[in-house]
Amino acid sequence: GTATLDFGNTAAQVSADLTITVTGAAVGDTVALATPAAPNANTCLTAFVSAADTVTVRFNNYSAGAIDPASASYTVFVFKQ
């Protein structure tokens, strides 16, 4: 699945979640996340199946200040267990 995600301004030491619909995804499936560019310094992105047909992409801000990542297109690959 692919979607344009815009996480908005994320405070220091906080995470933000957005979702991508992936038909057939099930909790427990393995997810790989393709990012459009390298994440900002002191941040990371993770992805997991959070509900049937739904992959959550989480932006984690480990920095000392707020970060507003640019809106971008993200792709997730779901591997069936």
PDB file of N, CA and C in Angstrom:
ATOM      1  N   GLY A   1       0.823  -1.184   0.000  1.00  0.00           N
ATOM      2  CA  GLY A   1       0.000   0.000   0.000  1.00  0.00           C
ATOM      3  C   GLY A   1       0.859   1.236   0.000  1.00  0.00           C
ATOM      4  N   THR A   2       0.355   2.287  -0.598  1.00  0.00           N
ATOM      5  CA  THR A   2       1.059   3.573  -0.666  1.00  0.00           C
ATOM      6  C   THR A   2       0.089   4.688  -0.321  1.00  0.00           C
ATOM      7  N   ALA A   3       0.584   5.665   0.434  1.00  0.00           N
ATOM      8  CA  ALA A   3      -0.249   6.819   0.785  1.00  0.00           C
ATOM      9  C   ALA A   3       0.639   8.018   1.067  1.00  0.00           C
ATOM     10  N   THR A   4       0.090   9.190   0.848  1.00  0.00           N
ATOM     11  CA  THR A   4       0.772  10.414   1.242  1.00  0.00           C
ATOM     12  C   THR A   4       0.436  10.679   2.702  1.00  0.00           C
ATOM     13  N   LEU A   5       1.471  10.797   3.528  1.00  0.00           N
ATOM     14  CA  LEU A   5       1.294  11.024   4.962  1.00  0.00           C
ATOM     15  C   LEU A   5       1.893  12.358   5.344  1.00  0.00           C
ATOM     16  N   ASP A   6       1.189  13.092   6.179  1.00  0.00           N
ATOM     17  CA  ASP A   6       1.659  14.391   6.683  1.00  0.00           C
ATOM     18  C   ASP A   6       1.527  14.367   8.203  1.00  0.00           C
ATOM     19  N   PHE A   7       2.618  14.067   8.891  1.00  0.00           N
ATOM     20  CA  PHE A   7       2.583  13.898  10.337  1.00  0.00           C
ATOM     21  C   PHE A   7       2.355  15.192  11.110  1.00  0.00           C
ATOM     22  N   GLY A   8       2.621  16.320  10.542  1.00  0.00           N
ATOM     23  CA  GLY A   8       2.443  17.566  11.272  1.00  0.00           C
ATOM     24  C   GLY A   8       3.550  17.767  12.293  1.00  0.00           C
ATOM     25  N   ASN A   9       3.452  18.830  13.063  1.00  0.00           N
ATOM     26  CA  ASN A   9       4.471  19.173  14.049  1.00  0.00           C
ATOM     27  C   ASN A   9       4.382  18.200  15.225  1.00  0.00           C
ATOM     28  N   THR A  10       5.481  17.500  15.492  1.00  0.00           N
ATOM     29  CA  THR A  10       5.509  16.487  16.544  1.00  0.00           C
ATOM     30  C   THR A  10       6.468  16.945  17.637  1.00  0.00           C
ATOM     31  N   ALA A  11       5.965  17.080  18.850  1.00  0.00           N
ATOM     32  CA  ALA A  11       6.754  17.584  19.976  1.00  0.00           C
ATOM     33  C   ALA A  11       7.928  16.649  20.280  1.00  0.00           C
ATOM     34  N   ALA A  12       8.920  17.193  20.985  1.00  0.00           N
ATOM     35  CA  ALA A  12      10.083  16.418  21.413  1.00  0.00           C
ATOM     36  C   ALA A  12       9.650  15.242  22.277  1.00  0.00           C
ATOM     37  N   GLN A  13      10.309  14.103  22.073  1.00  0.00           N
ATOM     38  CA  GLN A  13      10.088  12.905  22.879  1.00  0.00           C
ATOM     39  C   GLN A  13       8.661  12.349  22.758  1.00  0.00           C
ATOM     40  N   VAL A  14       8.024  12.572  21.600  1.00  0.00           N
ATOM     41  CA  VAL A  14       6.647  12.141  21.356  1.00  0.00           C
ATOM     42  C   VAL A  14       6.606  11.388  20.025  1.00  0.00           C
ATOM     43  N   SER A  15       5.608  10.529  19.859  1.00  0.00           N
ATOM     44  CA  SER A  15       5.403   9.870  18.577  1.00  0.00           C
ATOM     45  C   SER A  15       4.055  10.267  18.000  1.00  0.00           C
ATOM     46  N   ALA A  16       3.919  10.119  16.694  1.00  0.00           N
ATOM     47  CA  ALA A  16       2.662  10.414  16.000  1.00  0.00           C
ATOM     48  C   ALA A  16       2.362   9.254  15.061  1.00  0.00           C
ATOM     49  N   ASP A  17       1.088   8.867  14.966  1.00  0.00           N
ATOM     50  CA  ASP A  17       0.666   7.738  14.132  1.00  0.00           C
ATOM     51  C   ASP A  17      -0.256   8.193  13.014  1.00  0.00           C
ATOM     52  N   LEU A  18      -0.054   7.628  11.827  1.00  0.00           N
ATOM     53  CA  LEU A  18      -0.973   7.759  10.703  1.00  0.00           C
ATOM     54  C   LEU A  18      -1.135   6.367  10.103  1.00  0.00           C
ATOM     55  N   THR A  19      -2.171   6.165   9.313  1.00  0.00           N
ATOM     56  CA  THR A  19      -2.432   4.824   8.795  1.00  0.00           C
ATOM     57  C   THR A  19      -2.493   4.778   7.271  1.00  0.00           C
ATOM     58  N   ILE A  20      -2.233   3.567   6.776  1.00  0.00           N
ATOM     59  CA  ILE A  20      -2.345   3.252   5.350  1.00  0.00           C
ATOM     60  C   ILE A  20      -3.225   2.009   5.236  1.00  0.00           C
ATOM     61  N   THR A  21      -4.205   2.029   4.360  1.00  0.00           N
ATOM     62  CA  THR A  21      -5.059   0.866   4.131  1.00  0.00           C
ATOM     63  C   THR A  21      -4.328  -0.124   3.239  1.00  0.00           C
ATOM     64  N   VAL A  22      -4.248  -1.366   3.699  1.00  0.00           N
ATOM     65  CA  VAL A  22      -3.642  -2.445   2.919  1.00  0.00           C
ATOM     66  C   VAL A  22      -4.595  -3.640   3.004  1.00  0.00           C
ATOM     67  N   THR A  23      -5.348  -3.847   1.955  1.00  0.00           N
ATOM     68  CA  THR A  23      -6.334  -4.928   1.939  1.00  0.00           C
ATOM     69  C   THR A  23      -5.653  -6.273   2.179  1.00  0.00           C
ATOM     70  N   GLY A  24      -6.184  -7.018   3.116  1.00  0.00           N
ATOM     71  CA  GLY A  24      -5.666  -8.345   3.426  1.00  0.00           C
ATOM     72  C   GLY A  24      -4.658  -8.373   4.557  1.00  0.00           C
ATOM     73  N   ALA A  25      -4.189  -7.216   4.995  1.00  0.00           N
ATOM     74  CA  ALA A  25      -3.238  -7.178   6.110  1.00  0.00           C
ATOM     75  C   ALA A  25      -3.930  -7.650   7.382  1.00  0.00           C
ATOM     76  N   ALA A  26      -3.197  -8.427   8.184  1.00  0.00           N
ATOM     77  CA  ALA A  26      -3.743  -8.944   9.439  1.00  0.00           C
ATOM     78  C   ALA A  26      -2.742  -8.723  10.560  1.00  0.00           C
ATOM     79  N   VAL A  27      -3.254  -8.491  11.752  1.00  0.00           N
ATOM     80  CA  VAL A  27      -2.389  -8.312  12.913  1.00  0.00           C
ATOM     81  C   VAL A  27      -1.453  -9.508  13.011  1.00  0.00           C
ATOM     82  N   GLY A  28      -0.173  -9.240  13.198  1.00  0.00           N
ATOM     83  CA  GLY A  28       0.838 -10.293  13.265  1.00  0.00           C
ATOM     84  C   GLY A  28       1.636 -10.445  11.987  1.00  0.00           C
ATOM     85  N   ASP A  29       1.134  -9.905  10.858  1.00  0.00           N
ATOM     86  CA  ASP A  29       1.898  -9.943   9.615  1.00  0.00           C
ATOM     87  C   ASP A  29       3.138  -9.057   9.751  1.00  0.00           C
ATOM     88  N   THR A  30       4.174  -9.402   9.014  1.00  0.00           N
ATOM     89  CA  THR A  30       5.399  -8.617   8.993  1.00  0.00           C
ATOM     90  C   THR A  30       5.235  -7.448   8.027  1.00  0.00           C
ATOM     91  N   VAL A  31       5.750  -6.274   8.422  1.00  0.00           N
ATOM     92  CA  VAL A  31       5.631  -5.072   7.598  1.00  0.00           C
ATOM     93  C   VAL A  31       7.020  -4.495   7.328  1.00  0.00           C
ATOM     94  N   ALA A  32       7.255  -4.119   6.080  1.00  0.00           N
ATOM     95  CA  ALA A  32       8.459  -3.373   5.695  1.00  0.00           C
ATOM     96  C   ALA A  32       8.009  -2.000   5.230  1.00  0.00           C
ATOM     97  N   LEU A  33       8.723  -0.968   5.629  1.00  0.00           N
ATOM     98  CA  LEU A  33       8.370   0.414   5.303  1.00  0.00           C
ATOM     99  C   LEU A  33       9.414   1.017   4.378  1.00  0.00           C
ATOM    100  N   ALA A  34       8.965   1.543   3.250  1.00  0.00           N
ATOM    101  CA  ALA A  34       9.842   2.255   2.323  1.00  0.00           C
ATOM    102  C   ALA A  34       9.592   3.743   2.502  1.00  0.00           C
ATOM    103  N   THR A  35      10.618   4.465   2.922  1.00  0.00           N
ATOM    104  CA  THR A  35      10.481   5.906   3.154  1.00  0.00           C
ATOM    105  C   THR A  35      10.971   6.674   1.939  1.00  0.00           C
ATOM    106  N   PRO A  36      10.416   7.855   1.700  1.00  0.00           N
ATOM    107  CA  PRO A  36      10.797   8.630   0.520  1.00  0.00           C
ATOM    108  C   PRO A  36      12.178   9.259   0.639  1.00  0.00           C
ATOM    109  N   ALA A  37      12.681   9.402   1.867  1.00  0.00           N
ATOM    110  CA  ALA A  37      13.994   9.993   2.115  1.00  0.00           C
ATOM    111  C   ALA A  37      14.440   9.558   3.501  1.00  0.00           C
ATOM    112  N   ALA A  38      15.671   9.861   3.845  1.00  0.00           N
ATOM    113  CA  ALA A  38      16.154   9.530   5.187  1.00  0.00           C
ATOM    114  C   ALA A  38      15.352  10.323   6.216  1.00  0.00           C
ATOM    115  N   PRO A  39      15.035   9.713   7.355  1.00  0.00           N
ATOM    116  CA  PRO A  39      14.316  10.449   8.401  1.00  0.00           C
ATOM    117  C   PRO A  39      15.152  11.607   8.950  1.00  0.00           C
ATOM    118  N   ASN A  40      14.476  12.562   9.574  1.00  0.00           N
ATOM    119  CA  ASN A  40      15.170  13.662  10.229  1.00  0.00           C
ATOM    120  C   ASN A  40      16.115  13.092  11.290  1.00  0.00           C
ATOM    121  N   ALA A  41      17.143  13.861  11.655  1.00  0.00           N
ATOM    122  CA  ALA A  41      18.065  13.446  12.709  1.00  0.00           C
ATOM    123  C   ALA A  41      17.296  13.218  14.006  1.00  0.00           C
ATOM    124  N   ASN A  42      17.708  12.212  14.764  1.00  0.00           N
ATOM    125  CA  ASN A  42      17.109  11.867  16.058  1.00  0.00           C
ATOM    126  C   ASN A  42      15.636  11.470  15.958  1.00  0.00           C
ATOM    127  N   THR A  43      15.256  10.883  14.832  1.00  0.00           N
ATOM    128  CA  THR A  43      13.896  10.376  14.650  1.00  0.00           C
ATOM    129  C   THR A  43      13.975   9.006  13.995  1.00  0.00           C
ATOM    130  N   CYS A  44      12.866   8.295  14.008  1.00  0.00           N
ATOM    131  CA  CYS A  44      12.771   7.060  13.222  1.00  0.00           C
ATOM    132  C   CYS A  44      11.309   6.817  12.871  1.00  0.00           C
ATOM    133  N   LEU A  45      11.118   6.000  11.869  1.00  0.00           N
ATOM    134  CA  LEU A  45       9.780   5.605  11.426  1.00  0.00           C
ATOM    135  C   LEU A  45       9.659   4.099  11.555  1.00  0.00           C
ATOM    136  N   THR A  46       8.525   3.641  12.055  1.00  0.00           N
ATOM    137  CA  THR A  46       8.240   2.214  12.153  1.00  0.00           C
ATOM    138  C   THR A  46       6.851   1.969  11.591  1.00  0.00           C
ATOM    139  N   ALA A  47       6.561   0.713  11.277  1.00  0.00           N
ATOM    140  CA  ALA A  47       5.241   0.368  10.740  1.00  0.00           C
ATOM    141  C   ALA A  47       4.840  -1.005  11.237  1.00  0.00           C
ATOM    142  N   PHE A  48       3.533  -1.177  11.467  1.00  0.00           N
ATOM    143  CA  PHE A  48       2.999  -2.448  11.937  1.00  0.00           C
ATOM    144  C   PHE A  48       1.525  -2.527  11.567  1.00  0.00           C
ATOM    145  N   VAL A  49       1.012  -3.758  11.453  1.00  0.00           N
ATOM    146  CA  VAL A  49      -0.411  -3.945  11.208  1.00  0.00           C
ATOM    147  C   VAL A  49      -1.125  -3.752  12.544  1.00  0.00           C
ATOM    148  N   SER A  50      -1.975  -2.751  12.604  1.00  0.00           N
ATOM    149  CA  SER A  50      -2.660  -2.404  13.856  1.00  0.00           C
ATOM    150  C   SER A  50      -4.090  -2.932  13.916  1.00  0.00           C
ATOM    151  N   ALA A  51      -4.647  -3.286  12.770  1.00  0.00           N
ATOM    152  CA  ALA A  51      -6.003  -3.837  12.677  1.00  0.00           C
ATOM    153  C   ALA A  51      -6.141  -4.446  11.286  1.00  0.00           C
ATOM    154  N   ALA A  52      -7.191  -5.200  11.082  1.00  0.00           N
ATOM    155  CA  ALA A  52      -7.413  -5.787   9.760  1.00  0.00           C
ATOM    156  C   ALA A  52      -7.405  -4.706   8.696  1.00  0.00           C
ATOM    157  N   ASP A  53      -6.620  -4.919   7.647  1.00  0.00           N
ATOM    158  CA  ASP A  53      -6.524  -4.007   6.497  1.00  0.00           C
ATOM    159  C   ASP A  53      -5.910  -2.651   6.830  1.00  0.00           C
ATOM    160  N   THR A  54      -5.251  -2.506   7.987  1.00  0.00           N
ATOM    161  CA  THR A  54      -4.717  -1.208   8.397  1.00  0.00           C
ATOM    162  C   THR A  54      -3.287  -1.341   8.895  1.00  0.00           C
ATOM    163  N   VAL A  55      -2.377  -0.576   8.262  1.00  0.00           N
ATOM    164  CA  VAL A  55      -0.997  -0.494   8.718  1.00  0.00           C
ATOM    165  C   VAL A  55      -0.792   0.884   9.332  1.00  0.00           C
ATOM    166  N   THR A  56      -0.274   0.901  10.554  1.00  0.00           N
ATOM    167  CA  THR A  56       0.046   2.156  11.225  1.00  0.00           C
ATOM    168  C   THR A  56       1.514   2.474  10.977  1.00  0.00           C
ATOM    169  N   VAL A  57       1.777   3.708  10.555  1.00  0.00           N
ATOM    170  CA  VAL A  57       3.142   4.210  10.414  1.00  0.00           C
ATOM    171  C   VAL A  57       3.355   5.179  11.570  1.00  0.00           C
ATOM    172  N   ARG A  58       4.403   4.936  12.348  1.00  0.00           N
ATOM    173  CA  ARG A  58       4.670   5.750  13.544  1.00  0.00           C
ATOM    174  C   ARG A  58       5.940   6.562  13.348  1.00  0.00           C
ATOM    175  N   PHE A  59       5.816   7.889  13.535  1.00  0.00           N
ATOM    176  CA  PHE A  59       6.957   8.805  13.526  1.00  0.00           C
ATOM    177  C   PHE A  59       7.367   9.036  14.972  1.00  0.00           C
ATOM    178  N   ASN A  60       8.600   8.668  15.309  1.00  0.00           N
ATOM    179  CA  ASN A  60       9.122   8.820  16.667  1.00  0.00           C
ATOM    180  C   ASN A  60      10.133   9.958  16.696  1.00  0.00           C
ATOM    181  N   ASN A  61       9.870  10.965  17.503  1.00  0.00           N
ATOM    182  CA  ASN A  61      10.767  12.110  17.627  1.00  0.00           C
ATOM    183  C   ASN A  61      11.547  11.986  18.929  1.00  0.00           C
ATOM    184  N   TYR A  62      12.827  11.628  18.824  1.00  0.00           N
ATOM    185  CA  TYR A  62      13.688  11.472  19.995  1.00  0.00           C
ATOM    186  C   TYR A  62      14.506  12.729  20.270  1.00  0.00           C
ATOM    187  N   SER A  63      14.297  13.778  19.504  1.00  0.00           N
ATOM    188  CA  SER A  63      15.100  14.990  19.639  1.00  0.00           C
ATOM    189  C   SER A  63      14.637  15.845  20.819  1.00  0.00           C
ATOM    190  N   ALA A  64      15.357  16.941  21.039  1.00  0.00           N
ATOM    191  CA  ALA A  64      15.046  17.868  22.136  1.00  0.00           C
ATOM    192  C   ALA A  64      14.052  18.943  21.714  1.00  0.00           C
ATOM    193  N   GLY A  65      13.632  18.948  20.448  1.00  0.00           N
ATOM    194  CA  GLY A  65      12.694  19.966  19.970  1.00  0.00           C
ATOM    195  C   GLY A  65      11.647  19.361  19.046  1.00  0.00           C
ATOM    196  N   ALA A  66      10.625  20.147  18.755  1.00  0.00           N
ATOM    197  CA  ALA A  66       9.562  19.697  17.849  1.00  0.00           C
ATOM    198  C   ALA A  66      10.110  19.560  16.431  1.00  0.00           C
ATOM    199  N   ILE A  67       9.554  18.604  15.692  1.00  0.00           N
ATOM    200  CA  ILE A  67       9.928  18.387  14.294  1.00  0.00           C
ATOM    201  C   ILE A  67       8.651  18.224  13.484  1.00  0.00           C
ATOM    202  N   ASP A  68       8.610  18.895  12.331  1.00  0.00           N
ATOM    203  CA  ASP A  68       7.471  18.792  11.414  1.00  0.00           C
ATOM    204  C   ASP A  68       7.969  18.159  10.117  1.00  0.00           C
ATOM    205  N   PRO A  69       7.898  16.829   9.998  1.00  0.00           N
ATOM    206  CA  PRO A  69       8.389  16.183   8.773  1.00  0.00           C
ATOM    207  C   PRO A  69       7.570  16.631   7.557  1.00  0.00           C
ATOM    208  N   ALA A  70       8.231  16.696   6.436  1.00  0.00           N
ATOM    209  CA  ALA A  70       7.548  17.075   5.201  1.00  0.00           C
ATOM    210  C   ALA A  70       6.526  16.008   4.812  1.00  0.00           C
ATOM    211  N   SER A  71       5.416  16.436   4.250  1.00  0.00           N
ATOM    212  CA  SER A  71       4.433  15.512   3.701  1.00  0.00           C
ATOM    213  C   SER A  71       5.111  14.722   2.581  1.00  0.00           C
ATOM    214  N   ALA A  72       4.882  13.412   2.550  1.00  0.00           N
ATOM    215  CA  ALA A  72       5.552  12.588   1.546  1.00  0.00           C
ATOM    216  C   ALA A  72       4.766  11.311   1.307  1.00  0.00           C
ATOM    217  N   SER A  73       5.130  10.612   0.244  1.00  0.00           N
ATOM    218  CA  SER A  73       4.502   9.348  -0.106  1.00  0.00           C
ATOM    219  C   SER A  73       5.293   8.197   0.528  1.00  0.00           C
ATOM    220  N   TYR A  74       4.593   7.365   1.294  1.00  0.00           N
ATOM    221  CA  TYR A  74       5.202   6.216   1.969  1.00  0.00           C
ATOM    222  C   TYR A  74       4.591   4.938   1.401  1.00  0.00           C
ATOM    223  N   THR A  75       5.417   3.908   1.300  1.00  0.00           N
ATOM    224  CA  THR A  75       4.954   2.607   0.823  1.00  0.00           C
ATOM    225  C   THR A  75       5.225   1.571   1.899  1.00  0.00           C
ATOM    226  N   VAL A  76       4.237   0.710   2.149  1.00  0.00           N
ATOM    227  CA  VAL A  76       4.427  -0.404   3.071  1.00  0.00           C
ATOM    228  C   VAL A  76       4.208  -1.707   2.315  1.00  0.00           C
ATOM    229  N   PHE A  77       5.004  -2.707   2.693  1.00  0.00           N
ATOM    230  CA  PHE A  77       4.894  -4.051   2.137  1.00  0.00           C
ATOM    231  C   PHE A  77       4.491  -4.963   3.289  1.00  0.00           C
ATOM    232  N   VAL A  78       3.434  -5.726   3.116  1.00  0.00           N
ATOM    233  CA  VAL A  78       2.971  -6.635   4.148  1.00  0.00           C
ATOM    234  C   VAL A  78       3.230  -8.063   3.694  1.00  0.00           C
ATOM    235  N   PHE A  79       3.900  -8.825   4.566  1.00  0.00           N
ATOM    236  CA  PHE A  79       4.219 -10.218   4.280  1.00  0.00           C
ATOM    237  C   PHE A  79       3.342 -11.096   5.156  1.00  0.00           C
ATOM    238  N   LYS A  80       2.574 -11.967   4.522  1.00  0.00           N
ATOM    239  CA  LYS A  80       1.640 -12.834   5.238  1.00  0.00           C
ATOM    240  C   LYS A  80       2.403 -13.882   6.040  1.00  0.00           C
ATOM    241  N   GLN A  81       1.903 -14.156   7.232  1.00  0.00           N
ATOM    242  CA  GLN A  81       2.520 -15.162   8.112  1.00  0.00           C
ATOM    243  C   GLN A  81       1.985 -16.525   7.792  1.00  0.00           C
TER     244      GLN A  81
END
